[in-house]
Amino acid sequence: MTAVLERTLSYSSSIPRAHVHRAAICEVFLTDIICESYPRFRLGVQLPRVHSYYSDHNIVVRQYDPLLLLETFRQASILISHRHVDAPLDAKFVFNAGALEVVDLDAVRVGPAPAAGVLDATITAEKRRGADIVGITLAMTLALDGSAAATMSMTIQWMPGDAWDRLRQKGRAPLQLDPARPHPLHERVEPREVARHSFDNVVLSRIGVDGDTVRSQVLVDQAHPGLFDHPLDHVPGALIFEAMRQTALVAAHELFGLSPRMLVLVGCDAVFESFGELELPTDCAAVAEAEICARQVVLSVTLAQEGRQIAHGRVTLQRVSASTAALDRIVR
């Protein structure tokens, strides 16, 4: 009888950066991929314990940033598309929708050693054009050191470069893009208002409160090494998710008097309706949906450019208990 050895995931190096559309090797968080039996996959993950963007949080617990987990899920979707769904390496990708949930806050705590991550992914739907697959929907779960940490559903699609160019030209044609409206980077809000240490990682300015709605202007800093790892011709999804989170934090403080330092993101979903143009100001608005059991605040968030809605979604923030904060200080 011949024994069949099951391949194990490798954590010895990152996968090629081109396979997840990153320019910097340090921004690649996947180490390996195994196709168990199509459409099921397992991926190796190693998250940075210190990062200039993802670790820059002025909160009372030390954890892996949920948006770092989201970026890892995004990279997994791209890698699966290239390696196992025949998406060409030069294809242009569109992020249609995504929903992230942190299922265990203890599992996302940063420990004394790099966490061994295993990401399980299943393709649950395919978008076809004729005989070709041009998009997929994925259900994914990330476990860190054996404990389920987060889940995400994500829908993406891709197209050839010439089709992308036609799509972008058609979308941009009716817009008034010239002259470009400058982004007031010098008007960033104070980092503590969005639970950050560094001004460089603040993406909001011009906060306003109108009844139960908190509004902000989103700052697009194309020199930011994390949010703009490589040149883009549109506002990236990573910046939109960060703007949603920061606006939600400001809204939780303005509407409920909650300290941003005592809030962690445990859920975030978004539907991307159209491209955000770099030349236009981007406005974000947050409205409280509900306060659940005095522990969570749920906010509906929309982003628009000069009256044209480009994305909408929901952010769920959870309060950190005093005992959890005290325990984290002891552990550190």
Protein backbone atom coordinates (compact mmCIF):
# COMPACT_ATOMS: atom_id res chain seq x y z
CA MET A 1 0.00 0.00 0.00
CA THR A 2 1.43 3.36 -1.01
CA ALA A 3 1.22 6.16 1.52
CA VAL A 4 0.07 9.57 0.25
CA LEU A 5 1.80 12.46 1.98
CA GLU A 6 -0.31 15.58 2.37
CA ARG A 7 1.63 18.69 1.43
CA THR A 8 2.07 21.20 4.21
CA LEU A 9 2.18 24.96 3.81
CA SER A 10 5.59 26.62 3.68
CA TYR A 11 6.46 29.78 5.60
CA SER A 12 10.04 30.09 4.36
CA SER A 13 9.46 33.01 1.97
CA SER A 14 6.74 35.20 0.51
CA ILE A 15 5.09 34.41 -2.79
CA PRO A 16 6.13 36.56 -5.81
CA ARG A 17 4.91 40.13 -5.33
CA ALA A 18 3.58 40.36 -8.89
CA HIS A 19 1.11 37.58 -8.09
CA VAL A 20 -0.67 39.80 -5.54
CA HIS A 21 -0.14 43.14 -7.31
CA ARG A 22 2.37 44.59 -4.82
CA ALA A 23 5.48 46.58 -5.64
CA ALA A 24 7.22 46.19 -2.27
CA ILE A 25 8.23 42.72 -1.08
CA CYS A 26 7.54 43.80 2.52
CA GLU A 27 3.89 44.38 1.58
CA VAL A 28 3.34 40.71 0.63
CA PHE A 29 1.75 38.71 3.45
CA LEU A 30 1.22 35.32 1.76
CA THR A 31 3.84 32.57 1.83
CA ASP A 32 2.30 29.61 -0.02
CA ILE A 33 -0.85 28.23 -1.67
CA ILE A 34 -2.25 24.70 -1.99
CA CYS A 35 -5.25 23.77 -4.13
CA GLU A 36 -6.84 21.00 -2.07
CA SER A 37 -9.46 20.25 -4.73
CA TYR A 38 -10.88 23.01 -6.87
CA PRO A 39 -12.56 25.26 -5.75
CA ARG A 40 -10.97 24.90 -2.25
CA PHE A 41 -7.59 26.37 -1.30
CA ARG A 42 -5.29 26.75 1.68
CA LEU A 43 -2.79 29.60 1.89
CA GLY A 44 0.09 30.33 4.25
CA VAL A 45 0.06 33.75 5.93
CA GLN A 46 2.63 35.62 7.99
CA LEU A 47 1.62 39.05 9.26
CA PRO A 48 4.08 41.78 10.25
CA ARG A 49 4.05 42.48 13.98
CA VAL A 50 5.35 46.00 13.30
CA HIS A 51 4.30 48.05 10.27
CA SER A 52 4.39 51.80 9.64
CA TYR A 53 0.71 51.86 8.64
CA TYR A 54 -1.00 48.81 10.12
CA SER A 55 0.70 49.08 13.55
CA ASP A 56 0.21 52.84 13.99
CA HIS A 57 -2.84 52.72 16.28
CA ASN A 58 -3.40 54.61 19.49
CA ILE A 59 -5.69 51.98 21.03
CA VAL A 60 -5.51 50.25 24.40
CA VAL A 61 -4.98 46.74 23.00
CA ARG A 62 -2.15 45.50 20.78
CA GLN A 63 -3.65 43.56 17.92
CA TYR A 64 -3.21 42.88 14.25
CA ASP A 65 -5.10 45.57 12.39
CA PRO A 66 -8.36 44.19 10.95
CA LEU A 67 -7.59 46.07 7.74
CA LEU A 68 -4.28 44.17 7.58
CA LEU A 69 -6.40 41.00 7.63
CA LEU A 70 -8.58 42.50 4.88
CA GLU A 71 -5.51 43.20 2.75
CA THR A 72 -4.39 39.60 3.29
CA PHE A 73 -7.78 38.35 2.07
CA ARG A 74 -7.48 40.65 -0.95
CA GLN A 75 -4.06 39.24 -1.78
CA ALA A 76 -5.46 35.71 -1.49
CA SER A 77 -8.21 36.50 -4.00
CA ILE A 78 -5.68 37.84 -6.51
CA LEU A 79 -3.30 34.91 -6.05
CA ILE A 80 -6.06 32.33 -6.49
CA SER A 81 -7.26 34.11 -9.63
CA HIS A 82 -3.81 34.05 -11.22
CA ARG A 83 -2.68 30.59 -10.12
CA HIS A 84 -5.88 28.58 -10.46
CA VAL A 85 -8.50 30.51 -12.48
CA ASP A 86 -6.23 31.53 -15.38
CA ALA A 87 -6.48 35.28 -14.87
CA PRO A 88 -3.54 36.71 -16.88
CA LEU A 89 -0.82 38.42 -14.84
CA ASP A 90 -1.37 41.63 -16.81
CA ALA A 91 -5.16 41.65 -16.24
CA LYS A 92 -6.77 44.62 -14.52
CA PHE A 93 -8.83 43.81 -11.42
CA VAL A 94 -11.99 45.38 -10.01
CA PHE A 95 -12.95 44.97 -6.34
CA ASN A 96 -16.75 44.75 -6.45
CA ALA A 97 -17.70 44.06 -2.83
CA GLY A 98 -16.34 42.67 0.41
CA ALA A 99 -17.50 41.92 3.95
CA LEU A 100 -14.99 41.40 6.78
CA GLU A 101 -15.80 40.09 10.26
CA VAL A 102 -13.37 39.65 13.14
CA VAL A 103 -14.69 36.58 14.95
CA ASP A 104 -12.25 36.42 17.88
CA LEU A 105 -10.43 39.44 19.27
CA ASP A 106 -8.13 37.22 21.34
CA ALA A 107 -6.99 35.49 18.14
CA VAL A 108 -5.79 38.77 16.60
CA ARG A 109 -3.60 39.81 19.50
CA VAL A 110 0.03 40.31 18.57
CA GLY A 111 2.14 37.72 20.38
CA PRO A 112 5.86 37.32 21.14
CA ALA A 113 6.48 35.49 17.84
CA PRO A 114 5.13 35.79 14.30
CA ALA A 115 1.72 34.12 14.06
CA ALA A 116 1.45 31.13 11.75
CA GLY A 117 -1.59 31.91 9.64
CA VAL A 118 -3.69 29.56 7.54
CA LEU A 119 -6.22 31.06 5.17
CA ASP A 120 -8.94 28.72 3.88
CA ALA A 121 -10.71 29.93 0.74
CA THR A 122 -13.55 28.53 -1.35
CA ILE A 123 -14.80 29.90 -4.65
CA THR A 124 -18.57 30.08 -4.20
CA ALA A 125 -19.51 31.68 -7.52
CA GLU A 126 -17.97 32.35 -10.92
CA LYS A 127 -18.71 35.13 -13.37
CA ARG A 128 -18.30 34.02 -16.99
CA ARG A 129 -18.07 35.72 -20.33
CA GLY A 130 -18.67 32.97 -22.80
CA ALA A 131 -16.45 30.05 -21.80
CA ASP A 132 -14.02 32.25 -19.83
CA ILE A 133 -14.18 32.94 -16.10
CA VAL A 134 -13.79 36.69 -15.58
CA GLY A 135 -14.70 37.01 -11.92
CA ILE A 136 -15.15 35.05 -8.71
CA THR A 137 -16.77 35.27 -5.30
CA LEU A 138 -14.82 33.80 -2.39
CA ALA A 139 -15.68 32.74 1.15
CA MET A 140 -12.55 32.89 3.30
CA THR A 141 -11.47 32.22 6.89
CA LEU A 142 -8.15 33.18 8.46
CA ALA A 143 -6.81 31.28 11.46
CA LEU A 144 -3.82 32.53 13.45
CA ASP A 145 -1.90 29.99 15.52
CA GLY A 146 -4.80 27.58 15.13
CA SER A 147 -7.60 29.94 16.24
CA ALA A 148 -10.15 31.32 13.77
CA ALA A 149 -9.57 35.07 13.70
CA ALA A 150 -11.60 36.54 10.83
CA THR A 151 -13.83 35.73 7.88
CA MET A 152 -14.40 37.56 4.64
CA SER A 153 -16.58 37.25 1.58
CA MET A 154 -15.24 39.02 -1.50
CA THR A 155 -16.27 39.48 -5.12
CA ILE A 156 -13.74 40.52 -7.74
CA GLN A 157 -13.49 40.51 -11.52
CA TRP A 158 -10.80 41.17 -14.09
CA MET A 159 -10.40 42.27 -17.69
CA PRO A 160 -7.72 42.91 -20.33
CA GLY A 161 -5.89 46.22 -20.28
CA ASP A 162 -7.63 47.56 -23.39
CA ALA A 163 -11.07 46.80 -21.92
CA TRP A 164 -10.01 48.57 -18.72
CA ASP A 165 -8.93 51.64 -20.69
CA ARG A 166 -12.28 51.80 -22.48
CA LEU A 167 -14.15 51.40 -19.19
CA ARG A 168 -12.16 54.14 -17.51
CA GLN A 169 -12.48 56.53 -20.44
CA LYS A 170 -16.25 56.02 -20.57
CA GLY A 171 -16.60 56.63 -16.84
CA ARG A 172 -14.37 59.68 -16.76
CA ALA A 173 -15.77 61.39 -19.88
CA PRO A 174 -18.87 62.99 -18.25
CA LEU A 175 -16.96 64.18 -15.17
CA GLN A 176 -15.45 67.63 -14.68
CA LEU A 177 -11.88 66.59 -13.87
CA ASP A 178 -9.94 69.63 -15.07
CA PRO A 179 -8.61 71.42 -13.16
CA ALA A 180 -7.91 68.79 -10.49
CA ARG A 181 -9.16 69.79 -7.02
CA PRO A 182 -6.25 69.74 -4.57
CA HIS A 183 -6.46 67.54 -1.47
CA PRO A 184 -5.84 69.63 1.68
CA LEU A 185 -3.21 67.34 3.20
CA HIS A 186 -2.17 70.16 5.54
CA GLU A 187 -5.65 70.08 7.11
CA ARG A 188 -5.48 66.53 8.49
CA VAL A 189 -7.40 66.09 11.72
CA GLU A 190 -5.38 65.38 14.87
CA PRO A 191 -4.21 61.72 14.87
CA ARG A 192 -5.80 61.05 18.29
CA GLU A 193 -9.24 61.80 16.80
CA VAL A 194 -8.92 58.66 14.66
CA ALA A 195 -6.84 56.59 17.10
CA ARG A 196 -3.58 57.10 15.22
CA HIS A 197 -0.11 58.22 16.31
CA SER A 198 1.20 59.57 12.99
CA PHE A 199 -0.27 62.37 10.91
CA ASP A 200 0.89 60.44 7.82
CA ASN A 201 -1.75 57.77 8.49
CA VAL A 202 -4.65 60.19 8.95
CA VAL A 203 -6.91 60.23 5.87
CA LEU A 204 -9.56 62.74 7.01
CA SER A 205 -9.98 66.49 7.08
CA ARG A 206 -12.83 69.00 7.44
CA ILE A 207 -15.02 67.12 9.91
CA GLY A 208 -18.61 68.34 10.22
CA VAL A 209 -21.61 67.21 12.26
CA ASP A 210 -25.13 67.64 10.88
CA GLY A 211 -27.68 66.18 13.29
CA ASP A 212 -27.05 62.42 13.39
CA THR A 213 -24.63 62.50 10.44
CA VAL A 214 -20.88 63.02 10.66
CA ARG A 215 -19.14 64.11 7.45
CA SER A 216 -15.50 64.27 6.47
CA GLN A 217 -13.35 64.92 3.44
CA VAL A 218 -11.10 62.00 2.50
CA LEU A 219 -7.48 62.85 1.86
CA VAL A 220 -5.82 61.10 -1.06
CA ASP A 221 -2.08 61.08 -0.44
CA GLN A 222 -0.52 59.27 -3.40
CA ALA A 223 2.86 59.32 -1.64
CA HIS A 224 1.61 57.04 1.15
CA PRO A 225 3.70 53.85 0.91
CA GLY A 226 1.01 51.51 2.25
CA LEU A 227 -2.15 52.83 0.64
CA PHE A 228 -0.38 53.58 -2.66
CA ASP A 229 2.17 50.77 -2.86
CA HIS A 230 2.27 51.37 -6.64
CA PRO A 231 0.78 54.02 -8.96
CA LEU A 232 -2.99 53.80 -9.48
CA ASP A 233 -5.44 55.69 -11.68
CA HIS A 234 -8.24 55.67 -9.06
CA VAL A 235 -8.88 55.85 -5.32
CA PRO A 236 -7.96 52.38 -4.01
CA GLY A 237 -10.26 50.18 -1.98
CA ALA A 238 -7.76 50.15 0.90
CA LEU A 239 -8.10 53.92 1.27
CA ILE A 240 -11.88 53.70 1.10
CA PHE A 241 -11.97 51.12 3.90
CA GLU A 242 -9.62 53.28 6.01
CA ALA A 243 -11.76 56.37 5.41
CA MET A 244 -14.83 54.39 6.46
CA ARG A 245 -13.13 53.30 9.68
CA GLN A 246 -11.76 56.72 10.59
CA THR A 247 -15.06 58.47 9.87
CA ALA A 248 -16.88 55.85 11.97
CA LEU A 249 -14.46 56.47 14.87
CA VAL A 250 -15.08 60.21 14.68
CA ALA A 251 -18.84 59.61 14.50
CA ALA A 252 -18.78 57.30 17.54
CA HIS A 253 -17.07 60.06 19.50
CA GLU A 254 -19.23 62.91 18.21
CA LEU A 255 -22.57 61.10 18.53
CA PHE A 256 -21.98 58.91 21.60
CA GLY A 257 -18.99 60.42 23.37
CA LEU A 258 -16.93 57.25 22.92
CA SER A 259 -13.14 57.42 22.98
CA PRO A 260 -11.50 56.22 19.74
CA ARG A 261 -8.78 54.60 21.89
CA MET A 262 -11.38 52.27 23.40
CA LEU A 263 -12.88 51.11 20.09
CA VAL A 264 -11.78 48.34 17.75
CA LEU A 265 -13.17 47.49 14.33
CA VAL A 266 -14.85 44.07 14.30
CA GLY A 267 -16.83 44.33 11.07
CA CYS A 268 -16.64 46.24 7.81
CA ASP A 269 -18.41 45.69 4.52
CA ALA A 270 -18.47 47.75 1.36
CA VAL A 271 -20.00 47.75 -2.10
CA PHE A 272 -18.02 49.69 -4.68
CA GLU A 273 -20.39 51.38 -7.10
CA SER A 274 -18.02 53.34 -9.34
CA PHE A 275 -14.40 54.42 -9.52
CA GLY A 276 -13.21 57.20 -7.24
CA GLU A 277 -11.24 59.70 -9.29
CA LEU A 278 -7.97 61.07 -7.93
CA GLU A 279 -8.70 64.57 -9.27
CA LEU A 280 -11.96 64.99 -7.31
CA PRO A 281 -12.64 65.61 -3.61
CA THR A 282 -14.09 62.57 -1.85
CA ASP A 283 -16.65 63.01 0.92
CA CYS A 284 -17.51 60.40 3.55
CA ALA A 285 -20.65 60.38 5.70
CA ALA A 286 -21.45 58.14 8.68
CA VAL A 287 -24.82 57.63 10.36
CA ALA A 288 -25.31 55.45 13.45
CA GLU A 289 -27.52 52.44 12.75
CA ALA A 290 -27.65 50.87 16.17
CA GLU A 291 -25.95 50.47 19.52
CA ILE A 292 -26.09 46.80 20.54
CA CYS A 293 -25.95 45.74 24.21
CA ALA A 294 -23.90 48.87 24.96
CA ARG A 295 -20.85 47.09 23.48
CA GLN A 296 -21.06 47.75 19.75
CA VAL A 297 -21.83 50.70 17.52
CA VAL A 298 -22.90 50.05 13.94
CA LEU A 299 -22.65 52.86 11.41
CA SER A 300 -23.79 53.16 7.82
CA VAL A 301 -21.16 54.87 5.70
CA THR A 302 -21.30 56.34 2.20
CA LEU A 303 -18.60 57.90 0.03
CA ALA A 304 -19.33 60.34 -2.77
CA GLN A 305 -17.55 62.64 -5.20
CA GLU A 306 -19.41 65.85 -5.99
CA GLY A 307 -22.78 64.19 -5.40
CA ARG A 308 -21.95 60.93 -7.20
CA GLN A 309 -21.95 58.00 -4.77
CA ILE A 310 -18.94 55.74 -5.28
CA ALA A 311 -19.28 53.29 -2.37
CA HIS A 312 -21.46 52.41 0.58
CA GLY A 313 -21.16 50.02 3.47
CA ARG A 314 -21.23 49.43 7.20
CA VAL A 315 -18.70 49.62 10.02
CA THR A 316 -19.06 47.84 13.34
CA LEU A 317 -16.99 49.11 16.26
CA GLN A 318 -16.69 47.28 19.57
CA ARG A 319 -15.79 48.80 22.88
CA VAL A 320 -12.79 47.39 24.66
CA SER A 321 -13.53 46.56 28.28
CA ALA A 322 -11.37 48.05 31.03
CA SER A 323 -10.34 44.56 32.14
CA THR A 324 -9.20 43.65 28.62
CA ALA A 325 -7.16 46.84 28.39
CA ALA A 326 -5.56 46.20 31.78
CA LEU A 327 -4.69 42.62 30.82
CA ASP A 328 -3.10 43.81 27.59
CA ARG A 329 -0.89 46.27 29.51
CA ILE A 330 0.25 43.45 31.80
CA VAL A 331 1.04 41.15 28.85
CA ARG A 332 3.08 43.87 27.18
